[in-house]
Amino acid sequence: MSIFDKVKEMFGGTAEKLKDIPEQGGMKDKADEMRGQAEDTATGGIDQVSDSAKEKTGGRFDEQIDQGSDTAKGAADKIDGQEG
């Protein structure tokens, strides 16, 4: 038996074993949770920056700041791949 045959034997059926792993549970759920947290953190940061910018400009550019904030929040909403 060659070394290649031994390696094939060691890894044989790996693809089938991976198919048996359920999609829900374990690392997938943890990754989804972390993406949700990242989205929440990003949205909170956008709000803080927006409020600070409004304060610094004395309300002169509130409409433009709100437009930029909405655009940034739309991008942050795509972090977890789900709307809302």
PDB file of N, CA and C in Angstrom:
ATOM      1  N   MET A   1       0.850  -1.177   0.000  1.00  0.00           N
ATOM      2  CA  MET A   1       0.000   0.000   0.000  1.00  0.00           C
ATOM      3  C   MET A   1       0.891   1.233   0.000  1.00  0.00           C
ATOM      4  N   SER A   2       0.635   2.147  -0.955  1.00  0.00           N
ATOM      5  CA  SER A   2       1.449   3.357  -1.056  1.00  0.00           C
ATOM      6  C   SER A   2       0.967   4.409  -0.059  1.00  0.00           C
ATOM      7  N   ILE A   3       1.761   5.447   0.097  1.00  0.00           N
ATOM      8  CA  ILE A   3       1.411   6.545   0.998  1.00  0.00           C
ATOM      9  C   ILE A   3       0.128   7.228   0.532  1.00  0.00           C
ATOM     10  N   PHE A   4      -0.046   7.312  -0.801  1.00  0.00           N
ATOM     11  CA  PHE A   4      -1.251   7.931  -1.338  1.00  0.00           C
ATOM     12  C   PHE A   4      -2.496   7.120  -0.996  1.00  0.00           C
ATOM     13  N   ASP A   5      -2.378   5.828  -1.022  1.00  0.00           N
ATOM     14  CA  ASP A   5      -3.507   4.976  -0.655  1.00  0.00           C
ATOM     15  C   ASP A   5      -3.862   5.161   0.819  1.00  0.00           C
ATOM     16  N   LYS A   6      -2.850   5.319   1.654  1.00  0.00           N
ATOM     17  CA  LYS A   6      -3.104   5.529   3.083  1.00  0.00           C
ATOM     18  C   LYS A   6      -3.800   6.863   3.328  1.00  0.00           C
ATOM     19  N   VAL A   7      -3.362   7.892   2.599  1.00  0.00           N
ATOM     20  CA  VAL A   7      -3.990   9.203   2.750  1.00  0.00           C
ATOM     21  C   VAL A   7      -5.440   9.159   2.280  1.00  0.00           C
ATOM     22  N   LYS A   8      -5.677   8.502   1.144  1.00  0.00           N
ATOM     23  CA  LYS A   8      -7.046   8.361   0.655  1.00  0.00           C
ATOM     24  C   LYS A   8      -7.908   7.641   1.678  1.00  0.00           C
ATOM     25  N   GLU A   9      -7.358   6.626   2.287  1.00  0.00           N
ATOM     26  CA  GLU A   9      -8.086   5.864   3.291  1.00  0.00           C
ATOM     27  C   GLU A   9      -8.409   6.732   4.505  1.00  0.00           C
ATOM     28  N   MET A  10      -7.438   7.556   4.910  1.00  0.00           N
ATOM     29  CA  MET A  10      -7.647   8.417   6.072  1.00  0.00           C
ATOM     30  C   MET A  10      -8.752   9.444   5.826  1.00  0.00           C
ATOM     31  N   PHE A  11      -8.795   9.999   4.626  1.00  0.00           N
ATOM     32  CA  PHE A  11      -9.752  11.059   4.331  1.00  0.00           C
ATOM     33  C   PHE A  11     -10.960  10.577   3.540  1.00  0.00           C
ATOM     34  N   GLY A  12     -11.043   9.336   3.302  1.00  0.00           N
ATOM     35  CA  GLY A  12     -12.171   8.795   2.551  1.00  0.00           C
ATOM     36  C   GLY A  12     -13.489   9.055   3.247  1.00  0.00           C
ATOM     37  N   GLY A  13     -14.481   9.490   2.466  1.00  0.00           N
ATOM     38  CA  GLY A  13     -15.809   9.729   3.022  1.00  0.00           C
ATOM     39  C   GLY A  13     -15.958  11.039   3.759  1.00  0.00           C
ATOM     40  N   THR A  14     -14.963  11.905   3.706  1.00  0.00           N
ATOM     41  CA  THR A  14     -15.036  13.165   4.437  1.00  0.00           C
ATOM     42  C   THR A  14     -16.183  14.027   3.936  1.00  0.00           C
ATOM     43  N   ALA A  15     -16.366  14.097   2.631  1.00  0.00           N
ATOM     44  CA  ALA A  15     -17.439  14.916   2.071  1.00  0.00           C
ATOM     45  C   ALA A  15     -18.801  14.447   2.573  1.00  0.00           C
ATOM     46  N   GLU A  16     -18.992  13.145   2.641  1.00  0.00           N
ATOM     47  CA  GLU A  16     -20.259  12.614   3.123  1.00  0.00           C
ATOM     48  C   GLU A  16     -20.456  12.931   4.610  1.00  0.00           C
ATOM     49  N   LYS A  17     -19.388  12.881   5.371  1.00  0.00           N
ATOM     50  CA  LYS A  17     -19.484  13.194   6.800  1.00  0.00           C
ATOM     51  C   LYS A  17     -19.859  14.653   7.006  1.00  0.00           C
ATOM     52  N   LEU A  18     -19.316  15.545   6.178  1.00  0.00           N
ATOM     53  CA  LEU A  18     -19.631  16.957   6.309  1.00  0.00           C
ATOM     54  C   LEU A  18     -21.088  17.247   5.975  1.00  0.00           C
ATOM     55  N   LYS A  19     -21.665  16.483   5.069  1.00  0.00           N
ATOM     56  CA  LYS A  19     -23.070  16.671   4.724  1.00  0.00           C
ATOM     57  C   LYS A  19     -23.977  16.337   5.893  1.00  0.00           C
ATOM     58  N   ASP A  20     -23.515  15.476   6.796  1.00  0.00           N
ATOM     59  CA  ASP A  20     -24.331  15.060   7.929  1.00  0.00           C
ATOM     60  C   ASP A  20     -24.386  16.117   9.038  1.00  0.00           C
ATOM     61  N   ILE A  21     -23.514  17.105   8.986  1.00  0.00           N
ATOM     62  CA  ILE A  21     -23.507  18.141  10.015  1.00  0.00           C
ATOM     63  C   ILE A  21     -24.711  19.046   9.797  1.00  0.00           C
ATOM     64  N   PRO A  22     -25.547  19.220  10.799  1.00  0.00           N
ATOM     65  CA  PRO A  22     -26.732  20.067  10.611  1.00  0.00           C
ATOM     66  C   PRO A  22     -26.338  21.527  10.426  1.00  0.00           C
ATOM     67  N   GLU A  23     -27.135  22.237   9.627  1.00  0.00           N
ATOM     68  CA  GLU A  23     -26.837  23.641   9.370  1.00  0.00           C
ATOM     69  C   GLU A  23     -27.060  24.482  10.612  1.00  0.00           C
ATOM     70  N   GLN A  24     -28.060  24.146  11.395  1.00  0.00           N
ATOM     71  CA  GLN A  24     -28.336  24.912  12.600  1.00  0.00           C
ATOM     72  C   GLN A  24     -27.523  24.357  13.758  1.00  0.00           C
ATOM     73  N   GLY A  25     -27.119  25.237  14.638  1.00  0.00           N
ATOM     74  CA  GLY A  25     -26.374  24.814  15.814  1.00  0.00           C
ATOM     75  C   GLY A  25     -24.906  25.078  15.647  1.00  0.00           C
ATOM     76  N   GLY A  26     -24.226  25.114  16.772  1.00  0.00           N
ATOM     77  CA  GLY A  26     -22.779  25.253  16.750  1.00  0.00           C
ATOM     78  C   GLY A  26     -22.301  26.587  16.227  1.00  0.00           C
ATOM     79  N   MET A  27     -21.322  26.540  15.366  1.00  0.00           N
ATOM     80  CA  MET A  27     -20.631  27.732  14.888  1.00  0.00           C
ATOM     81  C   MET A  27     -21.504  28.622  14.000  1.00  0.00           C
ATOM     82  N   LYS A  28     -22.427  28.049  13.255  1.00  0.00           N
ATOM     83  CA  LYS A  28     -23.271  28.857  12.389  1.00  0.00           C
ATOM     84  C   LYS A  28     -24.132  29.803  13.212  1.00  0.00           C
ATOM     85  N   ASP A  29     -24.730  29.308  14.280  1.00  0.00           N
ATOM     86  CA  ASP A  29     -25.551  30.161  15.137  1.00  0.00           C
ATOM     87  C   ASP A  29     -24.709  31.245  15.792  1.00  0.00           C
ATOM     88  N   LYS A  30     -23.522  30.896  16.211  1.00  0.00           N
ATOM     89  CA  LYS A  30     -22.630  31.867  16.849  1.00  0.00           C
ATOM     90  C   LYS A  30     -22.236  32.953  15.851  1.00  0.00           C
ATOM     91  N   ALA A  31     -21.953  32.571  14.618  1.00  0.00           N
ATOM     92  CA  ALA A  31     -21.582  33.550  13.593  1.00  0.00           C
ATOM     93  C   ALA A  31     -22.750  34.484  13.293  1.00  0.00           C
ATOM     94  N   ASP A  32     -23.963  33.935  13.215  1.00  0.00           N
ATOM     95  CA  ASP A  32     -25.141  34.767  12.978  1.00  0.00           C
ATOM     96  C   ASP A  32     -25.349  35.752  14.120  1.00  0.00           C
ATOM     97  N   GLU A  33     -25.145  35.291  15.342  1.00  0.00           N
ATOM     98  CA  GLU A  33     -25.289  36.149  16.510  1.00  0.00           C
ATOM     99  C   GLU A  33     -24.261  37.281  16.489  1.00  0.00           C
ATOM    100  N   MET A  34     -23.035  36.949  16.117  1.00  0.00           N
ATOM    101  CA  MET A  34     -21.978  37.961  16.079  1.00  0.00           C
ATOM    102  C   MET A  34     -22.240  38.999  14.984  1.00  0.00           C
ATOM    103  N   ARG A  35     -22.775  38.558  13.836  1.00  0.00           N
ATOM    104  CA  ARG A  35     -23.116  39.518  12.779  1.00  0.00           C
ATOM    105  C   ARG A  35     -24.217  40.458  13.246  1.00  0.00           C
ATOM    106  N   GLY A  36     -25.190  39.942  13.981  1.00  0.00           N
ATOM    107  CA  GLY A  36     -26.255  40.783  14.525  1.00  0.00           C
ATOM    108  C   GLY A  36     -25.713  41.798  15.504  1.00  0.00           C
ATOM    109  N   GLN A  37     -24.773  41.373  16.337  1.00  0.00           N
ATOM    110  CA  GLN A  37     -24.154  42.295  17.287  1.00  0.00           C
ATOM    111  C   GLN A  37     -23.338  43.352  16.563  1.00  0.00           C
ATOM    112  N   ALA A  38     -22.644  42.963  15.511  1.00  0.00           N
ATOM    113  CA  ALA A  38     -21.839  43.919  14.741  1.00  0.00           C
ATOM    114  C   ALA A  38     -22.748  44.962  14.097  1.00  0.00           C
ATOM    115  N   GLU A  39     -23.885  44.518  13.595  1.00  0.00           N
ATOM    116  CA  GLU A  39     -24.837  45.460  12.995  1.00  0.00           C
ATOM    117  C   GLU A  39     -25.348  46.443  14.044  1.00  0.00           C
ATOM    118  N   ASP A  40     -25.702  45.948  15.221  1.00  0.00           N
ATOM    119  CA  ASP A  40     -26.186  46.814  16.296  1.00  0.00           C
ATOM    120  C   ASP A  40     -25.122  47.817  16.721  1.00  0.00           C
ATOM    121  N   THR A  41     -23.888  47.362  16.816  1.00  0.00           N
ATOM    122  CA  THR A  41     -22.792  48.242  17.197  1.00  0.00           C
ATOM    123  C   THR A  41     -22.570  49.321  16.149  1.00  0.00           C
ATOM    124  N   ALA A  42     -22.597  48.933  14.885  1.00  0.00           N
ATOM    125  CA  ALA A  42     -22.412  49.899  13.792  1.00  0.00           C
ATOM    126  C   ALA A  42     -23.523  50.941  13.799  1.00  0.00           C
ATOM    127  N   THR A  43     -24.755  50.493  13.968  1.00  0.00           N
ATOM    128  CA  THR A  43     -25.891  51.417  13.989  1.00  0.00           C
ATOM    129  C   THR A  43     -25.786  52.383  15.164  1.00  0.00           C
ATOM    130  N   GLY A  44     -25.388  51.871  16.316  1.00  0.00           N
ATOM    131  CA  GLY A  44     -25.206  52.736  17.482  1.00  0.00           C
ATOM    132  C   GLY A  44     -24.120  53.771  17.252  1.00  0.00           C
ATOM    133  N   GLY A  45     -23.042  53.360  16.613  1.00  0.00           N
ATOM    134  CA  GLY A  45     -21.956  54.288  16.297  1.00  0.00           C
ATOM    135  C   GLY A  45     -22.393  55.356  15.315  1.00  0.00           C
ATOM    136  N   ILE A  46     -23.195  54.981  14.343  1.00  0.00           N
ATOM    137  CA  ILE A  46     -23.711  55.947  13.366  1.00  0.00           C
ATOM    138  C   ILE A  46     -24.568  56.990  14.072  1.00  0.00           C
ATOM    139  N   ASP A  47     -25.406  56.536  14.988  1.00  0.00           N
ATOM    140  CA  ASP A  47     -26.249  57.465  15.745  1.00  0.00           C
ATOM    141  C   ASP A  47     -25.404  58.444  16.561  1.00  0.00           C
ATOM    142  N   GLN A  48     -24.362  57.941  17.204  1.00  0.00           N
ATOM    143  CA  GLN A  48     -23.499  58.802  18.014  1.00  0.00           C
ATOM    144  C   GLN A  48     -22.798  59.848  17.163  1.00  0.00           C
ATOM    145  N   VAL A  49     -22.264  59.424  16.042  1.00  0.00           N
ATOM    146  CA  VAL A  49     -21.568  60.355  15.148  1.00  0.00           C
ATOM    147  C   VAL A  49     -22.547  61.381  14.591  1.00  0.00           C
ATOM    148  N   SER A  50     -23.731  60.939  14.216  1.00  0.00           N
ATOM    149  CA  SER A  50     -24.745  61.833  13.683  1.00  0.00           C
ATOM    150  C   SER A  50     -25.126  62.897  14.714  1.00  0.00           C
ATOM    151  N   ASP A  51     -25.379  62.470  15.941  1.00  0.00           N
ATOM    152  CA  ASP A  51     -25.731  63.418  17.003  1.00  0.00           C
ATOM    153  C   ASP A  51     -24.602  64.410  17.262  1.00  0.00           C
ATOM    154  N   SER A  52     -23.385  63.913  17.270  1.00  0.00           N
ATOM    155  CA  SER A  52     -22.231  64.782  17.497  1.00  0.00           C
ATOM    156  C   SER A  52     -22.075  65.807  16.370  1.00  0.00           C
ATOM    157  N   ALA A  53     -22.254  65.353  15.128  1.00  0.00           N
ATOM    158  CA  ALA A  53     -22.139  66.261  13.984  1.00  0.00           C
ATOM    159  C   ALA A  53     -23.219  67.337  14.029  1.00  0.00           C
ATOM    160  N   LYS A  54     -24.422  66.945  14.399  1.00  0.00           N
ATOM    161  CA  LYS A  54     -25.508  67.922  14.499  1.00  0.00           C
ATOM    162  C   LYS A  54     -25.206  68.968  15.564  1.00  0.00           C
ATOM    163  N   GLU A  55     -24.666  68.507  16.676  1.00  0.00           N
ATOM    164  CA  GLU A  55     -24.315  69.417  17.766  1.00  0.00           C
ATOM    165  C   GLU A  55     -23.213  70.393  17.337  1.00  0.00           C
ATOM    166  N   LYS A  56     -22.190  69.854  16.677  1.00  0.00           N
ATOM    167  CA  LYS A  56     -21.049  70.688  16.268  1.00  0.00           C
ATOM    168  C   LYS A  56     -21.430  71.725  15.212  1.00  0.00           C
ATOM    169  N   THR A  57     -22.390  71.390  14.347  1.00  0.00           N
ATOM    170  CA  THR A  57     -22.780  72.315  13.287  1.00  0.00           C
ATOM    171  C   THR A  57     -23.937  73.215  13.699  1.00  0.00           C
ATOM    172  N   GLY A  58     -24.416  73.041  14.901  1.00  0.00           N
ATOM    173  CA  GLY A  58     -25.482  73.902  15.400  1.00  0.00           C
ATOM    174  C   GLY A  58     -26.804  73.725  14.669  1.00  0.00           C
ATOM    175  N   GLY A  59     -27.018  72.573  14.087  1.00  0.00           N
ATOM    176  CA  GLY A  59     -28.273  72.293  13.418  1.00  0.00           C
ATOM    177  C   GLY A  59     -28.355  72.806  11.990  1.00  0.00           C
ATOM    178  N   ARG A  60     -27.294  73.406  11.490  1.00  0.00           N
ATOM    179  CA  ARG A  60     -27.311  73.970  10.135  1.00  0.00           C
ATOM    180  C   ARG A  60     -27.390  72.899   9.047  1.00  0.00           C
ATOM    181  N   PHE A  61     -26.876  71.728   9.314  1.00  0.00           N
ATOM    182  CA  PHE A  61     -26.806  70.687   8.286  1.00  0.00           C
ATOM    183  C   PHE A  61     -27.532  69.409   8.700  1.00  0.00           C
ATOM    184  N   ASP A  62     -28.553  69.547   9.523  1.00  0.00           N
ATOM    185  CA  ASP A  62     -29.263  68.377  10.041  1.00  0.00           C
ATOM    186  C   ASP A  62     -29.816  67.494   8.923  1.00  0.00           C
ATOM    187  N   GLU A  63     -30.378  68.101   7.887  1.00  0.00           N
ATOM    188  CA  GLU A  63     -30.968  67.318   6.806  1.00  0.00           C
ATOM    189  C   GLU A  63     -29.899  66.478   6.093  1.00  0.00           C
ATOM    190  N   GLN A  64     -28.755  67.068   5.799  1.00  0.00           N
ATOM    191  CA  GLN A  64     -27.677  66.341   5.131  1.00  0.00           C
ATOM    192  C   GLN A  64     -27.100  65.259   6.033  1.00  0.00           C
ATOM    193  N   ILE A  65     -26.990  65.554   7.310  1.00  0.00           N
ATOM    194  CA  ILE A  65     -26.479  64.575   8.262  1.00  0.00           C
ATOM    195  C   ILE A  65     -27.429  63.389   8.362  1.00  0.00           C
ATOM    196  N   ASP A  66     -28.734  63.675   8.378  1.00  0.00           N
ATOM    197  CA  ASP A  66     -29.727  62.601   8.431  1.00  0.00           C
ATOM    198  C   ASP A  66     -29.670  61.733   7.171  1.00  0.00           C
ATOM    199  N   GLN A  67     -29.482  62.358   6.016  1.00  0.00           N
ATOM    200  CA  GLN A  67     -29.371  61.588   4.767  1.00  0.00           C
ATOM    201  C   GLN A  67     -28.152  60.666   4.807  1.00  0.00           C
ATOM    202  N   GLY A  68     -27.019  61.209   5.251  1.00  0.00           N
ATOM    203  CA  GLY A  68     -25.811  60.391   5.358  1.00  0.00           C
ATOM    204  C   GLY A  68     -25.970  59.283   6.367  1.00  0.00           C
ATOM    205  N   SER A  69     -26.623  59.589   7.461  1.00  0.00           N
ATOM    206  CA  SER A  69     -26.865  58.589   8.510  1.00  0.00           C
ATOM    207  C   SER A  69     -27.755  57.463   7.988  1.00  0.00           C
ATOM    208  N   ASP A  70     -28.800  57.822   7.250  1.00  0.00           N
ATOM    209  CA  ASP A  70     -29.691  56.796   6.692  1.00  0.00           C
ATOM    210  C   ASP A  70     -28.948  55.904   5.700  1.00  0.00           C
ATOM    211  N   THR A  71     -28.093  56.497   4.882  1.00  0.00           N
ATOM    212  CA  THR A  71     -27.307  55.718   3.923  1.00  0.00           C
ATOM    213  C   THR A  71     -26.367  54.761   4.650  1.00  0.00           C
ATOM    214  N   ALA A  72     -25.710  55.263   5.691  1.00  0.00           N
ATOM    215  CA  ALA A  72     -24.782  54.426   6.464  1.00  0.00           C
ATOM    216  C   ALA A  72     -25.526  53.299   7.176  1.00  0.00           C
ATOM    217  N   LYS A  73     -26.698  53.599   7.704  1.00  0.00           N
ATOM    218  CA  LYS A  73     -27.488  52.562   8.371  1.00  0.00           C
ATOM    219  C   LYS A  73     -27.961  51.504   7.376  1.00  0.00           C
ATOM    220  N   GLY A  74     -28.264  51.926   6.151  1.00  0.00           N
ATOM    221  CA  GLY A  74     -28.655  50.965   5.114  1.00  0.00           C
ATOM    222  C   GLY A  74     -27.503  50.004   4.815  1.00  0.00           C
ATOM    223  N   ALA A  75     -26.291  50.537   4.790  1.00  0.00           N
ATOM    224  CA  ALA A  75     -25.120  49.676   4.566  1.00  0.00           C
ATOM    225  C   ALA A  75     -24.890  48.760   5.755  1.00  0.00           C
ATOM    226  N   ALA A  76     -25.058  49.284   6.966  1.00  0.00           N
ATOM    227  CA  ALA A  76     -24.860  48.473   8.171  1.00  0.00           C
ATOM    228  C   ALA A  76     -25.920  47.370   8.260  1.00  0.00           C
ATOM    229  N   ASP A  77     -27.104  47.640   7.707  1.00  0.00           N
ATOM    230  CA  ASP A  77     -28.186  46.652   7.737  1.00  0.00           C
ATOM    231  C   ASP A  77     -27.832  45.409   6.922  1.00  0.00           C
ATOM    232  N   LYS A  78     -26.892  45.531   6.020  1.00  0.00           N
ATOM    233  CA  LYS A  78     -26.513  44.402   5.167  1.00  0.00           C
ATOM    234  C   LYS A  78     -25.467  43.498   5.824  1.00  0.00           C
ATOM    235  N   ILE A  79     -24.979  43.850   7.005  1.00  0.00           N
ATOM    236  CA  ILE A  79     -23.940  43.053   7.666  1.00  0.00           C
ATOM    237  C   ILE A  79     -24.403  41.632   7.908  1.00  0.00           C
ATOM    238  N   ASP A  80     -25.605  41.466   8.415  1.00  0.00           N
ATOM    239  CA  ASP A  80     -26.076  40.114   8.727  1.00  0.00           C
ATOM    240  C   ASP A  80     -26.832  39.454   7.571  1.00  0.00           C
ATOM    241  N   GLY A  81     -26.958  40.169   6.462  1.00  0.00           N
ATOM    242  CA  GLY A  81     -27.593  39.579   5.289  1.00  0.00           C
ATOM    243  C   GLY A  81     -29.104  39.520   5.365  1.00  0.00           C
ATOM    244  N   GLN A  82     -29.689  40.206   6.352  1.00  0.00           N
ATOM    245  CA  GLN A  82     -31.133  40.196   6.522  1.00  0.00           C
ATOM    246  C   GLN A  82     -31.619  41.630   6.651  1.00  0.00           C
ATOM    247  N   GLU A  83     -32.839  41.890   6.182  1.00  0.00           N
ATOM    248  CA  GLU A  83     -33.428  43.206   6.335  1.00  0.00           C
ATOM    249  C   GLU A  83     -33.905  43.391   7.773  1.00  0.00           C
ATOM    250  N   GLY A  84     -33.733  44.585   8.278  1.00  0.00           N
ATOM    251  CA  GLY A  84     -34.261  44.915   9.606  1.00  0.00           C
ATOM    252  C   GLY A  84     -33.422  44.558  10.740  1.00  0.00           C
TER     253      GLY A  84
END
